[in-house]
Amino acid sequence: MRTNRRRYLIAYDIRKPVRLRRICKLMEANGERLQYSVFICDLNRTELIHLRADSEEIMNLDEDSVVIVDLGELGEDRFTFVGRRAGLPTQGAQIV
């Protein structure tokens, strides 16, 4: 079954603790934490647009950064773990 969701690797570098906590909560609501400031999010196009807009409202665009990497369609294994394996989202829609 083909889905319109794609898998995104999202990492952030936020300078101020208040903004950092807000971005962290936003990412936790939309994906799974892979490492401290790195998340995997399975999103459709509309969800990605909203996530980006919400991030920009929180960020100081002169100081902070968020990188979004499109990893493609769900189900393609693009990760190699060395050491303890992090859990990845399972396929399918997530309820947030």
C-alpha atoms as a PDB file:
ATOM      1  CA  MET A   1       0.000   0.000   0.000  1.00  0.00           C
ATOM      2  CA  ARG A   2       1.421   3.341  -1.059  1.00  0.00           C
ATOM      3  CA  THR A   3       1.269   6.183   1.434  1.00  0.00           C
ATOM      4  CA  ASN A   4       1.765   9.883   0.995  1.00  0.00           C
ATOM      5  CA  ARG A   5       3.960  10.000   4.083  1.00  0.00           C
ATOM      6  CA  ARG A   6       7.696  10.372   3.796  1.00  0.00           C
ATOM      7  CA  ARG A   7      10.364   9.869   6.395  1.00  0.00           C
ATOM      8  CA  TYR A   8      12.341  12.950   7.477  1.00  0.00           C
ATOM      9  CA  LEU A   9      15.450  13.257   9.612  1.00  0.00           C
ATOM     10  CA  ILE A  10      15.151  16.503  11.571  1.00  0.00           C
ATOM     11  CA  ALA A  11      17.947  17.945  13.701  1.00  0.00           C
ATOM     12  CA  TYR A  12      18.103  21.236  15.519  1.00  0.00           C
ATOM     13  CA  ASP A  13      20.554  23.577  17.171  1.00  0.00           C
ATOM     14  CA  ILE A  14      18.702  26.067  19.370  1.00  0.00           C
ATOM     15  CA  ARG A  15      20.675  28.613  21.391  1.00  0.00           C
ATOM     16  CA  LYS A  16      18.301  29.563  24.221  1.00  0.00           C
ATOM     17  CA  PRO A  17      16.869  27.020  26.707  1.00  0.00           C
ATOM     18  CA  VAL A  18      13.286  28.304  26.485  1.00  0.00           C
ATOM     19  CA  ARG A  19      13.224  27.973  22.696  1.00  0.00           C
ATOM     20  CA  LEU A  20      15.068  24.653  22.925  1.00  0.00           C
ATOM     21  CA  ARG A  21      12.361  23.179  25.183  1.00  0.00           C
ATOM     22  CA  ARG A  22       9.606  24.427  22.884  1.00  0.00           C
ATOM     23  CA  ILE A  23      11.258  22.983  19.768  1.00  0.00           C
ATOM     24  CA  CYS A  24      11.886  19.718  21.615  1.00  0.00           C
ATOM     25  CA  LYS A  25       8.203  19.432  22.582  1.00  0.00           C
ATOM     26  CA  LEU A  26       7.188  20.224  19.004  1.00  0.00           C
ATOM     27  CA  MET A  27       9.452  17.481  17.652  1.00  0.00           C
ATOM     28  CA  GLU A  28       8.317  14.983  20.301  1.00  0.00           C
ATOM     29  CA  ALA A  29       4.740  15.633  19.201  1.00  0.00           C
ATOM     30  CA  ASN A  30       5.598  14.915  15.583  1.00  0.00           C
ATOM     31  CA  GLY A  31       8.204  12.179  15.607  1.00  0.00           C
ATOM     32  CA  GLU A  32      10.494   9.790  17.411  1.00  0.00           C
ATOM     33  CA  ARG A  33      13.739  10.873  19.047  1.00  0.00           C
ATOM     34  CA  LEU A  34      16.761   9.221  17.466  1.00  0.00           C
ATOM     35  CA  GLN A  35      19.422  11.086  19.457  1.00  0.00           C
ATOM     36  CA  TYR A  36      19.436  14.141  21.732  1.00  0.00           C
ATOM     37  CA  SER A  37      18.424  16.730  19.116  1.00  0.00           C
ATOM     38  CA  VAL A  38      17.726  14.416  16.187  1.00  0.00           C
ATOM     39  CA  PHE A  39      14.269  13.120  15.349  1.00  0.00           C
ATOM     40  CA  ILE A  40      12.691  10.863  12.753  1.00  0.00           C
ATOM     41  CA  CYS A  41       9.320  12.129  11.600  1.00  0.00           C
ATOM     42  CA  ASP A  42       6.946  10.391   9.200  1.00  0.00           C
ATOM     43  CA  LEU A  43       4.923  13.227   7.743  1.00  0.00           C
ATOM     44  CA  ASN A  44       2.741  14.043   4.789  1.00  0.00           C
ATOM     45  CA  ARG A  45       3.336  17.296   2.912  1.00  0.00           C
ATOM     46  CA  THR A  46       0.789  19.291   4.916  1.00  0.00           C
ATOM     47  CA  GLU A  47       2.193  18.087   8.250  1.00  0.00           C
ATOM     48  CA  LEU A  48       5.709  19.015   7.116  1.00  0.00           C
ATOM     49  CA  ILE A  49       4.584  22.524   6.146  1.00  0.00           C
ATOM     50  CA  HIS A  50       2.917  23.002   9.555  1.00  0.00           C
ATOM     51  CA  LEU A  51       5.928  21.623  11.423  1.00  0.00           C
ATOM     52  CA  ARG A  52       8.240  23.988   9.584  1.00  0.00           C
ATOM     53  CA  ALA A  53       5.955  26.988  10.193  1.00  0.00           C
ATOM     54  CA  ASP A  54       5.589  26.125  13.890  1.00  0.00           C
ATOM     55  CA  SER A  55       9.374  25.757  14.180  1.00  0.00           C
ATOM     56  CA  GLU A  56       9.954  29.135  12.566  1.00  0.00           C
ATOM     57  CA  GLU A  57       7.552  30.769  15.032  1.00  0.00           C
ATOM     58  CA  ILE A  58       9.597  29.429  17.945  1.00  0.00           C
ATOM     59  CA  MET A  59      13.084  29.977  16.532  1.00  0.00           C
ATOM     60  CA  ASN A  60      15.238  33.059  16.404  1.00  0.00           C
ATOM     61  CA  LEU A  61      16.149  32.731  12.736  1.00  0.00           C
ATOM     62  CA  ASP A  62      19.380  34.687  13.262  1.00  0.00           C
ATOM     63  CA  GLU A  63      20.657  32.313  15.982  1.00  0.00           C
ATOM     64  CA  ASP A  64      18.970  28.920  15.679  1.00  0.00           C
ATOM     65  CA  SER A  65      18.847  26.269  12.988  1.00  0.00           C
ATOM     66  CA  VAL A  66      16.736  23.286  12.061  1.00  0.00           C
ATOM     67  CA  VAL A  67      17.770  20.926   9.282  1.00  0.00           C
ATOM     68  CA  ILE A  68      15.199  18.718   7.556  1.00  0.00           C
ATOM     69  CA  VAL A  69      16.439  15.831   5.439  1.00  0.00           C
ATOM     70  CA  ASP A  70      13.978  13.936   3.227  1.00  0.00           C
ATOM     71  CA  LEU A  71      14.804  10.233   3.549  1.00  0.00           C
ATOM     72  CA  GLY A  72      12.166   9.131   1.091  1.00  0.00           C
ATOM     73  CA  GLU A  73       9.210   6.830   1.313  1.00  0.00           C
ATOM     74  CA  LEU A  74       8.507   4.768   4.392  1.00  0.00           C
ATOM     75  CA  GLY A  75       9.702   1.225   4.579  1.00  0.00           C
ATOM     76  CA  GLU A  76      13.097   1.736   3.053  1.00  0.00           C
ATOM     77  CA  ASP A  77      15.801   0.899   5.563  1.00  0.00           C
ATOM     78  CA  ARG A  78      18.286   3.762   5.411  1.00  0.00           C
ATOM     79  CA  PHE A  79      19.824   3.466   8.863  1.00  0.00           C
ATOM     80  CA  THR A  80      22.882   1.639  10.088  1.00  0.00           C
ATOM     81  CA  PHE A  81      23.271   1.564  13.853  1.00  0.00           C
ATOM     82  CA  VAL A  82      26.573   1.003  15.587  1.00  0.00           C
ATOM     83  CA  GLY A  83      26.130   0.222  19.273  1.00  0.00           C
ATOM     84  CA  ARG A  84      22.696   0.436  20.847  1.00  0.00           C
ATOM     85  CA  ARG A  85      20.016   0.579  18.190  1.00  0.00           C
ATOM     86  CA  ALA A  86      17.507   3.390  18.448  1.00  0.00           C
ATOM     87  CA  GLY A  87      13.864   2.636  17.853  1.00  0.00           C
ATOM     88  CA  LEU A  88      12.443   3.885  14.601  1.00  0.00           C
ATOM     89  CA  PRO A  89       8.779   4.618  14.007  1.00  0.00           C
ATOM     90  CA  THR A  90       6.823   1.749  12.578  1.00  0.00           C
ATOM     91  CA  GLN A  91       5.167   2.206   9.239  1.00  0.00           C
ATOM     92  CA  GLY A  92       1.794   3.798   9.050  1.00  0.00           C
ATOM     93  CA  ALA A  93       0.069   6.816  10.445  1.00  0.00           C
ATOM     94  CA  GLN A  94       0.899   8.056  13.903  1.00  0.00           C
ATOM     95  CA  ILE A  95      -1.631   9.660  16.179  1.00  0.00           C
ATOM     96  CA  VAL A  96      -0.177  12.783  17.725  1.00  0.00           C
END
